[in-house]
């Protein structure tokens, strides 16, 4: 059973912030072997969606932005699931469905832009996102911009 919560930056506990940064580092820096500046001064402007198990372990996370912060559109970023506990169980899909619903709840029925790792094109397409850019490298990893229009 997953427990979901969403918080603004200033409402995060020190423990929650630590778990978020640990998971992002575990996946984006260590697992993907990518040295990059994760702390980009955008966390303070985001809503933080967290999915935990019954023991409180962070299994899934995204940060959500209102239109005009990262892109003209609203956006979802730092999409991550725990490699130890959160993969192969549909948690990634649930995370994105909840992220889309949270964007709609907090920012209205607006288009959503993401910078997706190219290999996840099919996954994001299944959630209504369409590719809107050519491939580009971000921190040495192929990415594409994808946009989800208002239903």
C-alpha atoms as a PDB file:
ATOM      1  CA  UNK A   1       0.000   0.000   0.000  1.00  0.00           C
ATOM      2  CA  UNK A   2       1.365   3.377  -1.040  1.00  0.00           C
ATOM      3  CA  UNK A   3       0.846   6.516   0.990  1.00  0.00           C
ATOM      4  CA  UNK A   4       0.891   9.727  -1.052  1.00  0.00           C
ATOM      5  CA  UNK A   5       1.439  13.297   0.076  1.00  0.00           C
ATOM      6  CA  UNK A   6       2.247  16.581  -1.584  1.00  0.00           C
ATOM      7  CA  UNK A   7       4.017  19.489   0.060  1.00  0.00           C
ATOM      8  CA  UNK A   8       5.497  22.863  -0.731  1.00  0.00           C
ATOM      9  CA  UNK A   9       9.234  23.123  -0.072  1.00  0.00           C
ATOM     10  CA  UNK A  10       8.933  24.994   3.237  1.00  0.00           C
ATOM     11  CA  UNK A  11       6.594  22.310   4.609  1.00  0.00           C
ATOM     12  CA  UNK A  12       9.029  19.449   3.993  1.00  0.00           C
ATOM     13  CA  UNK A  13      10.580  18.017   7.134  1.00  0.00           C
ATOM     14  CA  UNK A  14      14.346  17.699   7.280  1.00  0.00           C
ATOM     15  CA  UNK A  15      13.908  13.908   7.076  1.00  0.00           C
ATOM     16  CA  UNK A  16      11.650  14.164   3.994  1.00  0.00           C
ATOM     17  CA  UNK A  17      14.094  16.493   2.249  1.00  0.00           C
ATOM     18  CA  UNK A  18      16.972  14.139   3.061  1.00  0.00           C
ATOM     19  CA  UNK A  19      15.049  11.132   1.675  1.00  0.00           C
ATOM     20  CA  UNK A  20      14.162  13.044  -1.518  1.00  0.00           C
ATOM     21  CA  UNK A  21      17.758  14.114  -2.131  1.00  0.00           C
ATOM     22  CA  UNK A  22      19.064  10.636  -1.262  1.00  0.00           C
ATOM     23  CA  UNK A  23      16.713   8.939  -3.744  1.00  0.00           C
ATOM     24  CA  UNK A  24      17.457  11.446  -6.495  1.00  0.00           C
ATOM     25  CA  UNK A  25      21.195  11.002  -5.927  1.00  0.00           C
ATOM     26  CA  UNK A  26      20.899   7.202  -5.789  1.00  0.00           C
ATOM     27  CA  UNK A  27      19.177   7.081  -9.178  1.00  0.00           C
ATOM     28  CA  UNK A  28      20.279  10.111 -11.175  1.00  0.00           C
ATOM     29  CA  UNK A  29      23.912  10.289 -10.026  1.00  0.00           C
ATOM     30  CA  UNK A  30      24.927   6.776  -8.961  1.00  0.00           C
ATOM     31  CA  UNK A  31      22.682   4.401 -10.966  1.00  0.00           C
ATOM     32  CA  UNK A  32      22.775   6.483 -14.147  1.00  0.00           C
ATOM     33  CA  UNK A  33      26.444   7.329 -13.628  1.00  0.00           C
ATOM     34  CA  UNK A  34      25.766  11.003 -14.285  1.00  0.00           C
ATOM     35  CA  UNK A  35      27.568  13.782 -12.496  1.00  0.00           C
ATOM     36  CA  UNK A  36      25.267  16.797 -12.587  1.00  0.00           C
ATOM     37  CA  UNK A  37      24.030  19.614 -10.351  1.00  0.00           C
ATOM     38  CA  UNK A  38      20.810  18.232  -8.886  1.00  0.00           C
ATOM     39  CA  UNK A  39      20.397  21.137  -6.467  1.00  0.00           C
ATOM     40  CA  UNK A  40      19.326  23.730  -9.023  1.00  0.00           C
ATOM     41  CA  UNK A  41      17.436  26.255  -6.862  1.00  0.00           C
ATOM     42  CA  UNK A  42      14.153  25.046  -8.332  1.00  0.00           C
ATOM     43  CA  UNK A  43      13.057  22.835  -5.425  1.00  0.00           C
ATOM     44  CA  UNK A  44      11.947  25.926  -3.520  1.00  0.00           C
ATOM     45  CA  UNK A  45       9.457  26.750  -6.314  1.00  0.00           C
ATOM     46  CA  UNK A  46       8.035  23.234  -6.666  1.00  0.00           C
ATOM     47  CA  UNK A  47       5.362  21.096  -5.138  1.00  0.00           C
ATOM     48  CA  UNK A  48       6.860  17.788  -3.993  1.00  0.00           C
ATOM     49  CA  UNK A  49       4.822  14.624  -4.529  1.00  0.00           C
ATOM     50  CA  UNK A  50       6.036  11.694  -2.453  1.00  0.00           C
ATOM     51  CA  UNK A  51       4.915   8.075  -2.325  1.00  0.00           C
ATOM     52  CA  UNK A  52       5.988   6.033   0.692  1.00  0.00           C
ATOM     53  CA  UNK A  53       5.378   2.499   1.871  1.00  0.00           C
ATOM     54  CA  UNK A  54       3.854   1.655   5.242  1.00  0.00           C
ATOM     55  CA  UNK A  55       7.307   1.812   6.882  1.00  0.00           C
ATOM     56  CA  UNK A  56       7.824   5.347   5.568  1.00  0.00           C
ATOM     57  CA  UNK A  57      10.395   4.463   2.885  1.00  0.00           C
ATOM     58  CA  UNK A  58      10.305   6.877  -0.054  1.00  0.00           C
ATOM     59  CA  UNK A  59       9.497   4.796  -3.138  1.00  0.00           C
ATOM     60  CA  UNK A  60       8.384   7.432  -5.648  1.00  0.00           C
ATOM     61  CA  UNK A  61       8.828  11.151  -6.116  1.00  0.00           C
ATOM     62  CA  UNK A  62       8.245  14.022  -8.535  1.00  0.00           C
ATOM     63  CA  UNK A  63       8.415  17.760  -8.346  1.00  0.00           C
ATOM     64  CA  UNK A  64       5.656  19.810  -9.944  1.00  0.00           C
ATOM     65  CA  UNK A  65       5.840  23.344 -11.282  1.00  0.00           C
ATOM     66  CA  UNK A  66       3.218  25.929 -12.085  1.00  0.00           C
ATOM     67  CA  UNK A  67       3.184  27.355 -15.610  1.00  0.00           C
ATOM     68  CA  UNK A  68       5.951  29.877 -16.224  1.00  0.00           C
ATOM     69  CA  UNK A  69       8.552  28.441 -13.826  1.00  0.00           C
ATOM     70  CA  UNK A  70      10.387  25.737 -15.796  1.00  0.00           C
ATOM     71  CA  UNK A  71       8.473  26.124 -19.072  1.00  0.00           C
ATOM     72  CA  UNK A  72       5.582  28.216 -20.363  1.00  0.00           C
ATOM     73  CA  UNK A  73       3.455  25.180 -19.490  1.00  0.00           C
ATOM     74  CA  UNK A  74       3.163  23.478 -16.108  1.00  0.00           C
ATOM     75  CA  UNK A  75       5.791  20.786 -15.703  1.00  0.00           C
ATOM     76  CA  UNK A  76       6.666  17.566 -13.939  1.00  0.00           C
ATOM     77  CA  UNK A  77      10.290  16.726 -13.241  1.00  0.00           C
ATOM     78  CA  UNK A  78      12.747  14.617 -11.250  1.00  0.00           C
ATOM     79  CA  UNK A  79      10.472  11.628 -11.835  1.00  0.00           C
ATOM     80  CA  UNK A  80      12.039   8.828  -9.827  1.00  0.00           C
ATOM     81  CA  UNK A  81      11.174   5.470  -8.294  1.00  0.00           C
ATOM     82  CA  UNK A  82      13.247   3.517  -5.825  1.00  0.00           C
ATOM     83  CA  UNK A  83      15.431   0.898  -7.525  1.00  0.00           C
ATOM     84  CA  UNK A  84      15.190  -1.312  -4.429  1.00  0.00           C
ATOM     85  CA  UNK A  85      11.465  -1.172  -3.740  1.00  0.00           C
ATOM     86  CA  UNK A  86       9.568   0.791  -6.352  1.00  0.00           C
ATOM     87  CA  UNK A  87      10.165  -0.767  -9.744  1.00  0.00           C
ATOM     88  CA  UNK A  88       8.245  -3.377 -11.677  1.00  0.00           C
ATOM     89  CA  UNK A  89       5.112  -2.879  -9.594  1.00  0.00           C
ATOM     90  CA  UNK A  90       3.361  -0.143 -11.567  1.00  0.00           C
ATOM     91  CA  UNK A  91       4.470   2.552  -9.123  1.00  0.00           C
ATOM     92  CA  UNK A  92       5.974   4.691 -11.905  1.00  0.00           C
ATOM     93  CA  UNK A  93       2.673   4.804 -13.758  1.00  0.00           C
ATOM     94  CA  UNK A  94       0.752   5.575 -10.572  1.00  0.00           C
ATOM     95  CA  UNK A  95       3.312   8.283  -9.742  1.00  0.00           C
ATOM     96  CA  UNK A  96       2.792   9.966 -13.106  1.00  0.00           C
ATOM     97  CA  UNK A  97      -1.002   9.636 -12.968  1.00  0.00           C
ATOM     98  CA  UNK A  98      -0.990  11.238  -9.521  1.00  0.00           C
ATOM     99  CA  UNK A  99       1.437  13.925 -10.737  1.00  0.00           C
ATOM    100  CA  UNK A 100      -0.833  14.820 -13.652  1.00  0.00           C
ATOM    101  CA  UNK A 101      -3.862  14.916 -11.327  1.00  0.00           C
ATOM    102  CA  UNK A 102      -1.959  17.121  -8.854  1.00  0.00           C
ATOM    103  CA  UNK A 103      -0.957  19.550 -11.616  1.00  0.00           C
ATOM    104  CA  UNK A 104      -4.617  19.787 -12.645  1.00  0.00           C
ATOM    105  CA  UNK A 105      -5.760  20.227  -9.042  1.00  0.00           C
ATOM    106  CA  UNK A 106      -3.199  22.916  -8.150  1.00  0.00           C
ATOM    107  CA  UNK A 107      -2.707  24.737 -11.464  1.00  0.00           C
ATOM    108  CA  UNK A 108      -5.878  23.990 -13.426  1.00  0.00           C
ATOM    109  CA  UNK A 109      -6.444  22.184 -16.696  1.00  0.00           C
ATOM    110  CA  UNK A 110      -3.251  23.314 -18.399  1.00  0.00           C
ATOM    111  CA  UNK A 111      -0.762  21.716 -20.799  1.00  0.00           C
ATOM    112  CA  UNK A 112       2.163  19.914 -19.128  1.00  0.00           C
ATOM    113  CA  UNK A 113       5.728  19.851 -20.488  1.00  0.00           C
ATOM    114  CA  UNK A 114       8.385  17.360 -19.472  1.00  0.00           C
ATOM    115  CA  UNK A 115      12.021  16.797 -20.390  1.00  0.00           C
ATOM    116  CA  UNK A 116      11.972  13.009 -20.714  1.00  0.00           C
ATOM    117  CA  UNK A 117      14.821  10.582 -21.061  1.00  0.00           C
ATOM    118  CA  UNK A 118      14.420   9.383 -24.632  1.00  0.00           C
ATOM    119  CA  UNK A 119      14.224   5.692 -23.757  1.00  0.00           C
ATOM    120  CA  UNK A 120      11.019   6.427 -21.773  1.00  0.00           C
ATOM    121  CA  UNK A 121       9.200   7.808 -24.840  1.00  0.00           C
ATOM    122  CA  UNK A 122       6.703   4.912 -24.975  1.00  0.00           C
ATOM    123  CA  UNK A 123       5.973   5.116 -21.233  1.00  0.00           C
ATOM    124  CA  UNK A 124       5.180   8.848 -21.347  1.00  0.00           C
ATOM    125  CA  UNK A 125       3.245   8.460 -24.616  1.00  0.00           C
ATOM    126  CA  UNK A 126       0.967   5.974 -22.831  1.00  0.00           C
ATOM    127  CA  UNK A 127       0.107   8.820 -20.426  1.00  0.00           C
ATOM    128  CA  UNK A 128      -0.881  11.231 -23.201  1.00  0.00           C
ATOM    129  CA  UNK A 129       2.443  13.003 -23.769  1.00  0.00           C
ATOM    130  CA  UNK A 130       3.594  13.689 -27.327  1.00  0.00           C
ATOM    131  CA  UNK A 131       7.166  14.338 -28.440  1.00  0.00           C
ATOM    132  CA  UNK A 132       7.658  18.011 -29.379  1.00  0.00           C
ATOM    133  CA  UNK A 133      11.431  18.255 -29.855  1.00  0.00           C
ATOM    134  CA  UNK A 134      14.329  16.476 -31.438  1.00  0.00           C
ATOM    135  CA  UNK A 135      16.634  14.484 -29.194  1.00  0.00           C
ATOM    136  CA  UNK A 136      19.065  16.581 -27.180  1.00  0.00           C
ATOM    137  CA  UNK A 137      21.731  15.672 -24.663  1.00  0.00           C
ATOM    138  CA  UNK A 138      21.247  16.726 -21.070  1.00  0.00           C
ATOM    139  CA  UNK A 139      24.145  15.785 -18.830  1.00  0.00           C
ATOM    140  CA  UNK A 140      25.210  13.264 -21.476  1.00  0.00           C
ATOM    141  CA  UNK A 141      21.822  11.472 -21.528  1.00  0.00           C
ATOM    142  CA  UNK A 142      19.513  11.585 -24.594  1.00  0.00           C
ATOM    143  CA  UNK A 143      16.332  13.517 -23.772  1.00  0.00           C
ATOM    144  CA  UNK A 144      13.262  14.755 -25.615  1.00  0.00           C
ATOM    145  CA  UNK A 145      10.679  17.363 -24.731  1.00  0.00           C
ATOM    146  CA  UNK A 146       7.180  15.949 -24.447  1.00  0.00           C
ATOM    147  CA  UNK A 147       3.914  17.825 -23.982  1.00  0.00           C
ATOM    148  CA  UNK A 148       0.535  16.715 -22.696  1.00  0.00           C
ATOM    149  CA  UNK A 149      -2.355  18.782 -23.947  1.00  0.00           C
ATOM    150  CA  UNK A 150      -5.457  19.592 -21.946  1.00  0.00           C
ATOM    151  CA  UNK A 151      -8.055  16.814 -22.294  1.00  0.00           C
END
